[in-house]
N, C-alpha and C. Protein backbone atom coordinates (compact mmCIF):
# COMPACT_ATOMS: atom_id res chain seq x y z
N UNK A 1 110.06 -228.37 113.14
CA UNK A 1 109.58 -228.38 114.51
C UNK A 1 107.76 -227.40 114.32
N UNK A 2 106.93 -228.03 114.02
CA UNK A 2 105.20 -227.25 113.99
C UNK A 2 104.95 -226.27 115.28
N UNK A 3 104.53 -225.48 115.71
CA UNK A 3 104.25 -224.34 116.07
C UNK A 3 103.95 -225.21 117.66
N UNK A 4 103.28 -226.05 117.47
CA UNK A 4 102.49 -226.69 118.80
C UNK A 4 103.62 -227.36 119.31
N UNK A 5 104.34 -228.41 118.40
CA UNK A 5 106.05 -229.02 119.16
C UNK A 5 106.64 -228.06 120.14
N UNK A 6 106.35 -226.14 119.32
CA UNK A 6 107.66 -225.39 120.25
C UNK A 6 106.68 -224.81 121.50
N UNK A 7 105.54 -224.65 121.31
CA UNK A 7 104.83 -223.85 122.03
C UNK A 7 104.92 -225.37 123.62
N UNK A 8 104.97 -226.37 123.01
CA UNK A 8 104.58 -227.75 124.50
C UNK A 8 106.52 -227.58 124.69
N UNK A 9 107.65 -227.03 124.22
CA UNK A 9 108.55 -227.36 124.81
C UNK A 9 108.47 -226.09 125.73
N UNK A 10 108.38 -225.27 125.57
CA UNK A 10 108.39 -223.65 126.38
C UNK A 10 107.43 -224.68 127.66
N UNK A 11 106.38 -224.67 127.06
CA UNK A 11 105.46 -225.59 128.67
C UNK A 11 106.15 -226.15 129.33
N UNK A 12 106.79 -227.30 129.07
CA UNK A 12 107.55 -228.09 129.40
C UNK A 12 109.10 -226.99 130.52
N UNK A 13 109.12 -226.55 129.62
CA UNK A 13 110.61 -226.14 130.45
C UNK A 13 110.03 -224.65 131.29
N UNK A 14 109.12 -224.26 131.38
CA UNK A 14 108.80 -223.77 132.40
C UNK A 14 107.76 -224.63 133.78
N UNK A 15 107.47 -226.06 133.13
CA UNK A 15 107.22 -227.10 133.98
C UNK A 15 108.01 -227.59 135.08
N UNK A 16 109.22 -227.98 134.42
CA UNK A 16 110.20 -228.46 134.62
C UNK A 16 111.04 -227.26 136.31
N UNK A 17 111.15 -226.22 135.64
CA UNK A 17 112.68 -224.90 136.52
C UNK A 17 111.44 -224.13 137.33
N UNK A 18 109.76 -224.31 136.85
CA UNK A 18 109.61 -223.03 137.76
C UNK A 18 108.99 -221.86 137.14
N UNK A 19 108.63 -220.50 137.36
CA UNK A 19 108.95 -219.81 136.46
C UNK A 19 110.03 -218.99 136.01
N UNK A 20 109.93 -218.72 134.94
CA UNK A 20 111.10 -218.79 133.80
C UNK A 20 111.29 -217.56 133.49
N UNK A 21 112.57 -216.92 133.37
CA UNK A 21 112.95 -215.10 133.02
C UNK A 21 112.79 -215.40 131.44
N UNK A 22 112.81 -214.82 130.45
CA UNK A 22 112.78 -215.25 128.78
C UNK A 22 114.78 -215.95 128.90
N UNK A 23 115.53 -215.08 129.16
CA UNK A 23 116.89 -215.53 129.21
C UNK A 23 117.02 -217.31 129.65
N UNK A 24 116.72 -217.84 130.30
CA UNK A 24 115.51 -219.10 131.34
C UNK A 24 114.97 -219.86 130.05
N UNK A 25 113.73 -219.25 128.97
CA UNK A 25 113.22 -220.31 128.38
C UNK A 25 114.42 -220.69 126.90
N UNK A 26 115.57 -219.23 126.59
CA UNK A 26 115.39 -220.07 125.64
C UNK A 26 117.07 -220.76 126.55
N UNK A 27 117.35 -220.58 126.99
CA UNK A 27 118.43 -221.34 127.03
C UNK A 27 118.10 -223.48 127.45
N UNK A 28 116.77 -223.62 127.76
CA UNK A 28 116.34 -225.04 128.08
C UNK A 28 115.71 -225.29 127.51
N UNK A 29 114.70 -224.42 125.59
CA UNK A 29 114.55 -224.65 124.57
C UNK A 29 115.72 -224.72 123.47
N UNK A 30 116.11 -223.66 123.91
CA UNK A 30 117.62 -223.70 122.24
C UNK A 30 116.95 -222.68 121.47
N UNK A 31 115.85 -222.22 121.71
CA UNK A 31 115.16 -221.23 120.57
C UNK A 31 115.56 -219.89 120.62
N UNK A 32 115.38 -219.13 119.28
CA UNK A 32 116.45 -217.99 120.30
C UNK A 32 115.30 -217.12 121.08
N UNK A 33 116.29 -216.18 121.26
CA UNK A 33 115.30 -214.77 122.22
C UNK A 33 113.67 -213.91 121.76
N UNK A 34 113.95 -214.39 120.29
CA UNK A 34 112.96 -213.90 119.53
C UNK A 34 111.49 -214.55 119.10
N UNK A 35 111.88 -215.85 118.97
CA UNK A 35 110.74 -216.98 119.24
C UNK A 35 110.61 -217.41 120.73
N UNK A 36 111.46 -217.18 121.01
CA UNK A 36 110.45 -217.93 122.77
C UNK A 36 109.99 -216.64 122.78
N UNK A 37 110.44 -215.89 123.12
CA UNK A 37 109.70 -214.48 123.48
C UNK A 37 108.55 -214.72 122.49
N UNK A 38 108.09 -214.59 121.41
CA UNK A 38 106.79 -214.86 120.48
C UNK A 38 105.72 -216.01 121.18
N UNK A 39 106.51 -217.24 120.86
CA UNK A 39 105.61 -218.22 121.54
C UNK A 39 105.17 -217.80 123.54
N UNK A 40 106.10 -217.42 124.11
CA UNK A 40 105.30 -217.65 125.53
C UNK A 40 104.68 -216.16 125.81
N UNK A 41 104.54 -215.38 124.56
CA UNK A 41 103.34 -214.48 124.71
C UNK A 41 102.27 -214.79 124.39
N UNK A 42 102.50 -215.44 123.41
CA UNK A 42 101.51 -216.15 122.36
C UNK A 42 100.46 -217.40 123.84
N UNK A 43 101.36 -218.02 123.98
CA UNK A 43 100.72 -219.05 124.92
C UNK A 43 100.10 -218.28 126.32
N UNK A 44 100.68 -217.26 126.85
CA UNK A 44 100.00 -216.09 127.45
C UNK A 44 98.82 -215.78 127.83
N UNK A 45 98.99 -214.95 126.29
CA UNK A 45 96.96 -214.50 125.62
C UNK A 45 96.16 -215.76 125.43
N UNK A 46 96.53 -217.06 125.89
CA UNK A 46 95.89 -217.38 126.11
C UNK A 46 95.15 -218.53 127.51
N UNK A 47 96.49 -217.73 128.42
CA UNK A 47 96.35 -217.93 129.77
C UNK A 47 97.03 -219.63 129.53
N UNK A 48 97.60 -220.33 128.96
CA UNK A 48 98.35 -221.37 129.53
C UNK A 48 99.94 -220.49 129.84
N UNK A 49 100.28 -219.79 130.14
CA UNK A 49 101.69 -218.73 130.89
C UNK A 49 101.12 -217.73 131.59
N UNK A 50 101.44 -217.46 132.50
CA UNK A 50 101.19 -216.21 133.19
C UNK A 50 102.49 -215.24 133.82
N UNK A 51 102.28 -214.04 133.55
CA UNK A 51 103.34 -213.30 134.52
C UNK A 51 103.56 -213.44 136.17
N UNK A 52 104.25 -213.56 136.19
CA UNK A 52 105.29 -213.09 137.92
C UNK A 52 104.72 -211.68 138.45
N UNK A 53 105.40 -211.21 139.53
CA UNK A 53 104.87 -209.99 139.86
C UNK A 53 106.77 -209.70 139.19
N UNK A 54 107.72 -210.09 139.05
CA UNK A 54 108.90 -209.87 138.43
C UNK A 54 109.25 -210.06 137.43
N UNK A 55 107.72 -210.02 136.13
CA UNK A 55 108.23 -210.75 135.03
C UNK A 55 108.30 -211.89 134.62
N UNK A 56 108.29 -213.07 135.32
CA UNK A 56 108.49 -214.61 134.46
C UNK A 56 107.73 -215.12 134.31
N UNK A 57 108.02 -216.10 133.43
CA UNK A 57 107.06 -216.76 133.02
C UNK A 57 106.85 -217.97 133.51
N UNK A 58 105.24 -218.08 134.09
CA UNK A 58 104.57 -219.37 134.61
C UNK A 58 103.52 -219.76 133.95
N UNK A 59 103.21 -220.76 134.84
CA UNK A 59 101.85 -221.87 134.06
C UNK A 59 100.67 -220.89 134.66
N UNK A 60 100.14 -221.27 133.88
CA UNK A 60 99.07 -219.75 133.63
C UNK A 60 97.83 -221.01 134.43
N UNK A 61 96.82 -220.06 134.20
CA UNK A 61 95.76 -220.66 135.32
C UNK A 61 94.97 -221.54 134.81
N UNK A 62 94.80 -221.38 133.75
CA UNK A 62 93.80 -222.10 132.45
C UNK A 62 94.10 -223.28 132.72
N UNK A 63 95.39 -223.98 133.03
CA UNK A 63 96.07 -225.32 133.05
C UNK A 63 95.07 -226.54 133.81
N UNK A 64 94.97 -225.12 135.30
CA UNK A 64 93.68 -226.14 136.13
C UNK A 64 92.39 -226.51 135.30
N UNK A 65 92.10 -226.02 135.19
CA UNK A 65 91.07 -226.08 134.18
C UNK A 65 91.16 -226.74 133.33
N UNK A 66 91.72 -227.12 132.66
CA UNK A 66 92.30 -228.32 131.71
C UNK A 66 92.49 -229.84 132.61
N UNK A 67 93.44 -229.30 133.22
CA UNK A 67 92.94 -230.65 134.28
C UNK A 67 92.26 -231.38 135.12
N UNK A 68 91.87 -230.79 135.35
CA UNK A 68 90.36 -230.28 136.22
C UNK A 68 89.32 -231.46 134.96
N UNK A 69 89.32 -230.64 134.05
CA UNK A 69 88.27 -231.49 132.94
C UNK A 69 89.28 -232.95 132.23
N UNK A 70 90.52 -232.93 132.07
CA UNK A 70 90.91 -234.19 131.78
C UNK A 70 90.54 -235.62 132.95
N UNK A 71 90.69 -234.63 133.96
CA UNK A 71 91.05 -236.07 135.37
C UNK A 71 88.78 -236.08 134.86
N UNK A 72 88.44 -235.50 134.87
CA UNK A 72 86.78 -236.03 134.80
C UNK A 72 86.70 -236.85 133.25
N UNK A 73 87.34 -236.88 132.92
CA UNK A 73 87.50 -237.71 131.90
C UNK A 73 87.80 -239.24 131.48
N UNK A 74 88.09 -239.35 133.28
CA UNK A 74 89.16 -240.56 133.23
C UNK A 74 88.50 -241.14 134.20
N UNK A 75 87.21 -241.89 134.28
CA UNK A 75 86.61 -242.13 136.06
C UNK A 75 87.19 -243.13 136.82
N UNK A 76 88.48 -243.40 135.74
CA UNK A 76 89.75 -244.97 136.54
C UNK A 76 89.75 -244.09 137.57
N UNK A 77 90.55 -242.74 137.51
CA UNK A 77 91.49 -241.97 139.16
C UNK A 77 90.42 -241.93 139.77
N UNK A 78 89.02 -241.51 139.41
CA UNK A 78 87.98 -241.08 140.65
C UNK A 78 87.34 -242.80 141.44
N UNK A 79 87.74 -244.29 140.66
CA UNK A 79 87.38 -245.39 141.16
C UNK A 79 88.46 -245.49 142.33
N UNK A 80 89.67 -245.21 141.35
CA UNK A 80 90.78 -245.69 142.35
C UNK A 80 90.75 -244.73 143.85
N UNK A 81 90.30 -243.39 143.79
CA UNK A 81 90.87 -243.39 145.05
C UNK A 81 90.53 -243.70 146.42
N UNK A 82 89.51 -244.28 147.00
CA UNK A 82 89.73 -244.93 148.20
C UNK A 82 90.37 -246.12 148.15
N UNK A 83 90.43 -247.05 147.39
CA UNK A 83 91.99 -247.70 147.58
C UNK A 83 93.34 -247.30 146.98
N UNK A 84 93.49 -246.47 146.60
CA UNK A 84 94.79 -245.44 146.88
C UNK A 84 94.94 -245.04 148.19
N UNK A 85 93.49 -244.55 149.03
CA UNK A 85 93.87 -244.33 150.45
C UNK A 85 93.70 -245.06 151.40
N UNK A 86 93.24 -246.21 150.84
CA UNK A 86 93.52 -247.62 151.77
C UNK A 86 95.29 -247.74 151.69
N UNK A 87 95.90 -247.84 150.78
CA UNK A 87 97.53 -248.51 150.44
C UNK A 87 98.32 -247.23 151.10
N UNK A 88 97.67 -246.26 150.63
CA UNK A 88 98.48 -245.12 151.96
C UNK A 88 98.94 -245.42 153.33
N UNK A 89 97.53 -245.61 153.45
CA UNK A 89 97.27 -245.96 155.20
C UNK A 89 97.97 -247.36 155.17
N UNK A 90 97.91 -248.42 154.53
CA UNK A 90 98.23 -249.26 155.28
C UNK A 90 99.85 -249.29 154.59
N UNK A 91 100.40 -248.79 154.36
CA UNK A 91 101.93 -248.60 154.12
C UNK A 91 102.79 -247.53 154.82
N UNK A 92 102.41 -246.53 154.53
CA UNK A 92 103.34 -245.20 154.96
C UNK A 92 103.63 -244.69 153.73
N UNK A 93 103.43 -245.52 153.22
CA UNK A 93 104.56 -244.37 151.58
C UNK A 93 103.37 -244.10 150.55
N UNK A 94 104.36 -243.11 149.68
CA UNK A 94 103.31 -242.67 148.73
C UNK A 94 102.85 -243.57 147.41
N UNK A 95 101.48 -243.41 147.28
CA UNK A 95 101.09 -244.24 146.02
C UNK A 95 100.58 -243.35 144.48
N UNK A 96 100.42 -244.24 143.89
CA UNK A 96 100.51 -243.58 142.58
C UNK A 96 99.22 -244.39 141.46
N UNK A 97 98.67 -243.70 140.63
CA UNK A 97 97.93 -244.70 139.33
C UNK A 97 98.54 -244.15 138.47
N UNK A 98 99.10 -245.19 137.04
CA UNK A 98 99.40 -244.78 136.10
C UNK A 98 98.57 -245.71 134.86
N UNK A 99 99.03 -244.36 133.43
CA UNK A 99 97.81 -245.22 132.52
C UNK A 99 99.40 -245.53 131.49
N UNK A 100 98.70 -246.32 130.64
CA UNK A 100 99.69 -246.05 129.18
C UNK A 100 99.42 -244.87 128.98
N UNK A 101 100.11 -244.01 127.98
CA UNK A 101 100.08 -243.02 126.53
C UNK A 101 101.49 -242.88 126.43
N UNK A 102 101.03 -243.64 125.15
CA UNK A 102 102.92 -244.01 123.76
C UNK A 102 103.43 -244.43 124.55
N UNK A 103 104.29 -244.50 124.43
CA UNK A 103 105.82 -245.14 124.77
C UNK A 103 105.87 -244.57 126.11
N UNK A 104 105.20 -243.93 126.99
CA UNK A 104 105.05 -243.46 128.58
C UNK A 104 104.19 -243.97 129.26
N UNK A 105 104.45 -243.29 130.53
CA UNK A 105 103.44 -243.75 131.74
C UNK A 105 103.35 -242.47 132.41
N UNK A 106 101.64 -242.09 132.04
CA UNK A 106 101.30 -240.75 133.08
C UNK A 106 100.72 -240.88 134.15
N UNK A 107 101.43 -240.62 134.88
CA UNK A 107 100.41 -240.50 136.77
C UNK A 107 99.16 -239.57 136.86
N UNK A 108 98.12 -240.45 137.17
CA UNK A 108 96.35 -240.04 136.68
C UNK A 108 95.94 -239.30 138.57
N UNK A 109 96.29 -239.84 139.23
CA UNK A 109 96.33 -240.14 140.43
C UNK A 109 97.89 -240.04 141.51
N UNK A 110 97.57 -239.73 142.71
CA UNK A 110 98.66 -239.87 143.14
C UNK A 110 98.40 -239.26 144.63
N UNK A 111 98.82 -239.73 145.38
CA UNK A 111 98.85 -239.29 146.86
C UNK A 111 100.37 -239.77 148.00
N UNK A 112 100.51 -238.30 148.79
CA UNK A 112 101.68 -238.48 149.22
C UNK A 112 101.58 -238.99 150.15
N UNK A 113 103.45 -239.62 151.15
CA UNK A 113 103.35 -240.26 152.52
C UNK A 113 103.34 -238.94 153.15
N UNK A 114 102.98 -239.53 154.47
CA UNK A 114 102.55 -238.36 155.55
C UNK A 114 104.76 -238.06 156.24
N UNK A 115 105.51 -239.09 155.72
CA UNK A 115 106.52 -238.75 155.81
C UNK A 115 107.50 -237.68 155.48
N UNK A 116 108.13 -237.24 156.17
CA UNK A 116 108.86 -235.61 155.30
C UNK A 116 110.58 -236.35 154.04
N UNK A 117 109.98 -237.44 154.37
CA UNK A 117 111.63 -237.92 153.19
C UNK A 117 110.18 -239.04 152.56
N UNK A 118 109.88 -238.65 151.43
CA UNK A 118 109.16 -238.77 150.60
C UNK A 118 108.67 -238.98 149.68
N UNK A 119 108.86 -239.90 148.33
CA UNK A 119 108.38 -240.32 146.73
C UNK A 119 107.54 -239.45 146.82
N UNK A 120 108.11 -237.79 145.11
CA UNK A 120 106.55 -237.20 145.01
C UNK A 120 106.43 -237.15 143.43
N UNK A 121 105.69 -237.91 143.01
CA UNK A 121 105.30 -238.14 141.37
C UNK A 121 103.96 -237.39 141.61
N UNK A 122 104.45 -235.61 141.01
CA UNK A 122 103.06 -234.99 140.61
C UNK A 122 102.25 -235.60 139.76
N UNK A 123 100.71 -235.39 139.81
CA UNK A 123 99.87 -235.75 138.28
C UNK A 123 99.71 -235.08 137.49
N UNK A 124 99.87 -236.32 136.41
CA UNK A 124 100.27 -235.31 134.87
C UNK A 124 101.51 -235.54 134.47
N UNK A 125 102.78 -236.40 136.00
CA UNK A 125 104.38 -236.21 135.22
C UNK A 125 103.73 -238.18 133.99
N UNK A 126 104.61 -237.45 133.36
CA UNK A 126 105.23 -238.47 132.05
C UNK A 126 106.44 -239.48 132.34
N UNK A 127 106.60 -240.44 132.50
CA UNK A 127 107.51 -241.55 132.98
C UNK A 127 107.73 -242.09 132.17
N UNK A 128 108.92 -243.30 131.96
CA UNK A 128 109.13 -244.34 131.01
C UNK A 128 108.59 -245.10 131.37
N UNK A 129 108.35 -246.06 130.56
CA UNK A 129 108.36 -247.25 130.60
C UNK A 129 108.78 -248.37 130.93
N UNK A 130 109.99 -248.17 130.40
CA UNK A 130 110.94 -249.29 130.41
C UNK A 130 112.02 -249.00 131.73
N UNK A 131 111.91 -248.76 132.76
CA UNK A 131 112.13 -248.33 134.20
C UNK A 131 111.20 -248.42 135.23
N UNK A 132 111.53 -249.00 136.19
CA UNK A 132 110.21 -248.48 137.39
C UNK A 132 109.46 -249.88 137.10
N UNK A 133 109.51 -250.38 138.57
CA UNK A 133 107.82 -251.17 138.71
C UNK A 133 106.62 -251.03 137.22
N UNK A 134 106.40 -249.46 138.02
CA UNK A 134 104.74 -249.34 137.00
C UNK A 134 104.56 -249.70 135.44
N UNK A 135 105.92 -249.48 134.97
CA UNK A 135 106.02 -249.32 133.59
C UNK A 135 105.96 -251.33 132.99
N UNK A 136 106.93 -251.73 133.81
CA UNK A 136 107.16 -253.18 133.67
C UNK A 136 105.13 -253.42 134.02
N UNK A 137 104.81 -253.39 135.11
CA UNK A 137 103.13 -253.30 135.01
C UNK A 137 102.55 -253.12 134.35
N UNK A 138 102.13 -252.29 133.25
CA UNK A 138 101.94 -251.54 132.07
C UNK A 138 102.13 -252.37 130.71
N UNK A 139 103.45 -253.13 130.61
CA UNK A 139 103.58 -253.86 129.49
C UNK A 139 104.03 -255.50 129.34
N UNK A 140 104.48 -255.75 130.93
CA UNK A 140 104.86 -256.92 130.67
C UNK A 140 103.01 -258.14 130.98
N UNK A 141 102.25 -257.45 131.16
CA UNK A 141 101.10 -257.81 131.98
C UNK A 141 101.51 -259.48 132.64
N UNK A 142 102.17 -258.77 134.46
CA UNK A 142 102.28 -259.76 135.57
C UNK A 142 101.05 -259.90 135.78
N UNK A 143 101.08 -261.60 136.38
CA UNK A 143 99.62 -261.79 137.06
C UNK A 143 99.90 -261.61 138.48
N UNK A 144 100.78 -261.05 138.95
CA UNK A 144 101.33 -260.81 140.41
C UNK A 144 101.95 -259.09 140.69
N UNK A 145 102.29 -258.63 141.68
CA UNK A 145 103.03 -257.45 141.88
C UNK A 145 104.61 -257.48 141.13
N UNK A 146 104.93 -256.92 140.80
CA UNK A 146 106.33 -256.89 140.25
C UNK A 146 106.97 -255.40 141.45
N UNK A 147 108.84 -255.47 141.90
CA UNK A 147 109.25 -254.13 142.31
C UNK A 147 110.67 -253.63 141.19
N UNK A 148 111.24 -253.10 142.13
CA UNK A 148 111.95 -252.01 141.41
C UNK A 148 112.43 -251.49 142.56
N UNK A 149 113.98 -251.01 142.51
CA UNK A 149 114.63 -250.80 143.50
C UNK A 149 116.08 -250.16 142.59
N UNK A 150 115.95 -248.59 143.08
CA UNK A 150 116.59 -248.01 142.23
C UNK A 150 116.98 -247.60 140.83
N UNK A 151 115.70 -248.03 140.10
CA UNK A 151 115.48 -248.47 138.95
C UNK A 151 115.72 -247.25 137.77
N UNK A 152 114.45 -246.26 138.30
CA UNK A 152 114.44 -244.81 137.81
C UNK A 152 114.99 -243.60 138.41
N UNK A 153 115.23 -244.31 139.51
CA UNK A 153 115.65 -243.21 140.49
C UNK A 153 116.64 -243.50 141.66
N UNK A 154 117.64 -242.98 141.83
CA UNK A 154 118.39 -243.33 142.73
C UNK A 154 118.00 -243.40 143.81
N UNK A 155 118.08 -244.07 145.21
CA UNK A 155 117.50 -243.89 146.35
C UNK A 155 116.32 -244.78 146.44
N UNK A 156 115.38 -244.80 145.50
CA UNK A 156 113.52 -245.22 145.57
C UNK A 156 113.43 -246.47 145.12
N UNK A 157 112.38 -247.09 146.01
CA UNK A 157 112.40 -248.25 145.13
C UNK A 157 110.42 -248.22 145.08
N UNK A 158 110.47 -249.11 144.89
CA UNK A 158 108.61 -249.50 144.36
C UNK A 158 108.08 -250.84 144.08
N UNK A 159 106.65 -250.49 144.37
CA UNK A 159 106.25 -252.00 144.39
C UNK A 159 104.79 -251.64 143.65
N UNK A 160 104.48 -251.76 141.86
CA UNK A 160 103.09 -252.07 141.45
C UNK A 160 102.40 -253.48 141.32
N UNK A 161 101.33 -253.14 141.25
CA UNK A 161 100.10 -254.29 140.00
C UNK A 161 99.27 -253.23 139.43
N UNK A 162 99.37 -254.23 138.10
CA UNK A 162 98.30 -254.41 137.21
C UNK A 162 96.86 -253.94 137.46
N UNK A 163 95.87 -253.59 137.10
CA UNK A 163 94.61 -253.34 137.28
C UNK A 163 94.04 -253.31 135.87
N UNK A 164 93.24 -254.45 135.36
CA UNK A 164 92.58 -255.08 134.27
C UNK A 164 91.14 -254.76 134.49
N UNK A 165 90.30 -254.53 133.03
CA UNK A 165 89.18 -254.66 133.09
C UNK A 165 88.85 -256.18 133.26
N UNK A 166 87.13 -255.82 132.40
CA UNK A 166 86.69 -257.36 132.65
C UNK A 166 86.85 -258.23 131.42
N UNK A 167 87.11 -258.14 130.73
CA UNK A 167 88.45 -258.39 130.07
C UNK A 167 89.79 -258.74 129.80
N UNK A 168 90.42 -258.62 130.91
CA UNK A 168 91.53 -259.27 131.25
C UNK A 168 92.84 -257.88 130.68
N UNK A 169 91.95 -256.97 130.39
CA UNK A 169 93.40 -256.56 129.60
C UNK A 169 93.44 -255.19 130.50
N UNK A 170 94.80 -254.60 130.85
CA UNK A 170 95.32 -253.91 131.25
C UNK A 170 95.40 -252.69 131.29
N UNK A 171 94.57 -252.09 132.09
CA UNK A 171 93.87 -250.57 131.95
C UNK A 171 95.14 -249.33 132.96
N UNK A 172 95.14 -249.63 133.68
CA UNK A 172 96.41 -249.38 134.52
C UNK A 172 97.62 -249.67 135.39
N UNK A 173 97.99 -249.12 136.16
CA UNK A 173 99.21 -249.70 137.08
C UNK A 173 99.30 -248.95 138.42
N UNK A 174 98.54 -249.38 139.43
CA UNK A 174 99.10 -249.01 141.05
C UNK A 174 99.95 -249.14 141.67
N UNK A 175 100.49 -248.25 142.22
CA UNK A 175 101.98 -248.34 143.06
C UNK A 175 102.40 -247.95 144.52
N UNK A 176 103.42 -247.81 145.23
CA UNK A 176 103.61 -247.82 146.35
C UNK A 176 104.69 -247.09 146.20
N UNK A 177 105.04 -246.60 146.71
CA UNK A 177 106.74 -246.37 146.30
C UNK A 177 107.21 -245.04 146.96
N UNK A 178 108.94 -245.30 147.84
CA UNK A 178 109.08 -244.50 149.21
C UNK A 178 110.77 -245.25 148.92
N UNK A 179 111.66 -244.48 149.76
CA UNK A 179 112.94 -244.04 149.70
C UNK A 179 113.50 -245.64 150.39
N UNK A 180 114.22 -246.24 149.81
CA UNK A 180 115.12 -247.88 150.10
C UNK A 180 115.42 -247.51 151.65
N UNK A 181 115.71 -246.58 152.05
CA UNK A 181 115.60 -247.23 153.73
C UNK A 181 114.77 -247.35 154.33
N UNK A 182 113.66 -247.15 153.89
CA UNK A 182 112.12 -247.31 154.83
C UNK A 182 111.70 -248.68 153.98
N UNK A 183 111.64 -248.39 152.46
CA UNK A 183 110.99 -249.86 152.02
C UNK A 183 111.92 -251.16 151.67
N UNK A 184 112.90 -251.23 152.32
CA UNK A 184 114.03 -251.82 151.98
C UNK A 184 114.30 -252.85 150.74
N UNK A 185 115.49 -253.50 150.50
CA UNK A 185 115.36 -253.56 149.20
C UNK A 185 115.44 -254.80 148.40
N UNK A 186 114.28 -254.91 149.25
CA UNK A 186 112.99 -255.98 148.45
C UNK A 186 111.18 -255.80 149.08
N UNK A 187 110.97 -254.77 147.89
CA UNK A 187 109.76 -253.76 148.61
C UNK A 187 108.95 -255.16 148.52
N UNK A 188 109.27 -255.68 147.49
CA UNK A 188 107.61 -256.75 147.14
C UNK A 188 107.13 -257.71 148.44
N UNK A 189 108.29 -258.02 149.02
CA UNK A 189 107.88 -259.02 150.02
C UNK A 189 107.42 -258.10 150.97
N UNK A 190 107.81 -256.75 151.20
CA UNK A 190 106.96 -255.91 152.28
C UNK A 190 105.21 -255.53 151.80
N UNK A 191 105.46 -255.25 150.51
CA UNK A 191 104.43 -254.36 150.09
C UNK A 191 103.51 -254.89 148.98
N UNK A 192 104.04 -256.19 148.38
CA UNK A 192 103.26 -256.51 147.51
C UNK A 192 101.98 -256.87 147.40
N UNK A 193 101.42 -257.46 149.04
CA UNK A 193 99.75 -258.17 148.68
C UNK A 193 99.25 -256.85 149.16
N UNK A 194 100.04 -256.56 149.48
CA UNK A 194 99.08 -254.65 149.74
C UNK A 194 98.82 -254.16 148.55
N UNK A 195 99.54 -254.45 147.52
CA UNK A 195 100.11 -253.02 146.20
C UNK A 195 98.60 -254.91 145.23
N UNK A 196 98.62 -255.71 145.81
CA UNK A 196 97.55 -256.86 144.64
C UNK A 196 95.90 -256.29 145.48
N UNK A 197 96.66 -256.11 146.59
CA UNK A 197 94.52 -255.93 147.00
C UNK A 197 94.22 -254.56 146.69
N UNK A 198 95.01 -253.63 146.94
CA UNK A 198 94.53 -251.96 146.29
C UNK A 198 94.66 -252.46 144.58
N UNK A 199 95.11 -253.76 143.86
CA UNK A 199 94.89 -253.69 142.18
C UNK A 199 93.65 -254.05 142.29
N UNK A 200 93.06 -255.40 142.55
CA UNK A 200 91.40 -255.40 142.52
C UNK A 200 91.15 -254.86 143.49
N UNK A 201 90.90 -253.82 144.15
CA UNK A 201 89.97 -253.09 145.08
C UNK A 201 89.31 -251.79 143.95
N UNK A 202 90.54 -251.90 143.03
CA UNK A 202 90.02 -250.77 141.72
C UNK A 202 89.32 -251.47 140.48
N UNK A 203 89.39 -252.63 140.62
CA UNK A 203 88.85 -253.62 139.49
C UNK A 203 87.30 -253.92 139.98
N UNK A 204 87.21 -253.71 141.28
CA UNK A 204 85.76 -253.76 141.51
C UNK A 204 84.84 -253.03 142.01
N UNK A 205 85.30 -251.63 142.15
CA UNK A 205 85.13 -250.05 141.98
C UNK A 205 84.61 -249.53 140.35
N UNK A 206 85.53 -250.10 139.49
CA UNK A 206 84.85 -249.51 138.01
C UNK A 206 83.68 -249.91 137.49
N UNK A 207 83.11 -249.17 136.54
CA UNK A 207 81.73 -249.02 136.93
C UNK A 207 81.63 -249.76 135.73
């Protein structure tokens, strides 16, 4: 495994668990104590990790700037902003925009539901393509909406629609997701029209 791969494993461990002691990094990565410490200190030197007041390793502030730069390089997310806000207002549930990256889908924009019980998908989250309605919208090129119930996560349902470019190619998937107790076990019947409308609104807003 290359050094970059090992560094990413350390960053991923901290992302998943929050601030980590060295022992936590060893347990999460499987690296020796010496290797985990060397990698963490190197990442800290580059601002990708930082130390908390109690000496644990947390994600570094340089990642904030990198994230903003990455977002600025993806005008699709900016173009989708008004449509996502309208979709959240219409449905009352959390909304997301995903793009395909290799064999995963990555969340590039997200707005959370105002409800206390809600679906939370952080920006930058990489999720599988083979589970959930957004994965199917990105890979199977449906002509309308698709929905899923407890496919990726127990108790969660979602509805998604593909966002297409002028040539008809799928650029992204817009989704609404929430707990089954509110979305019901037929979420497409409840939110499909609104999700499709959001996808068309995003298409119309593309530069």
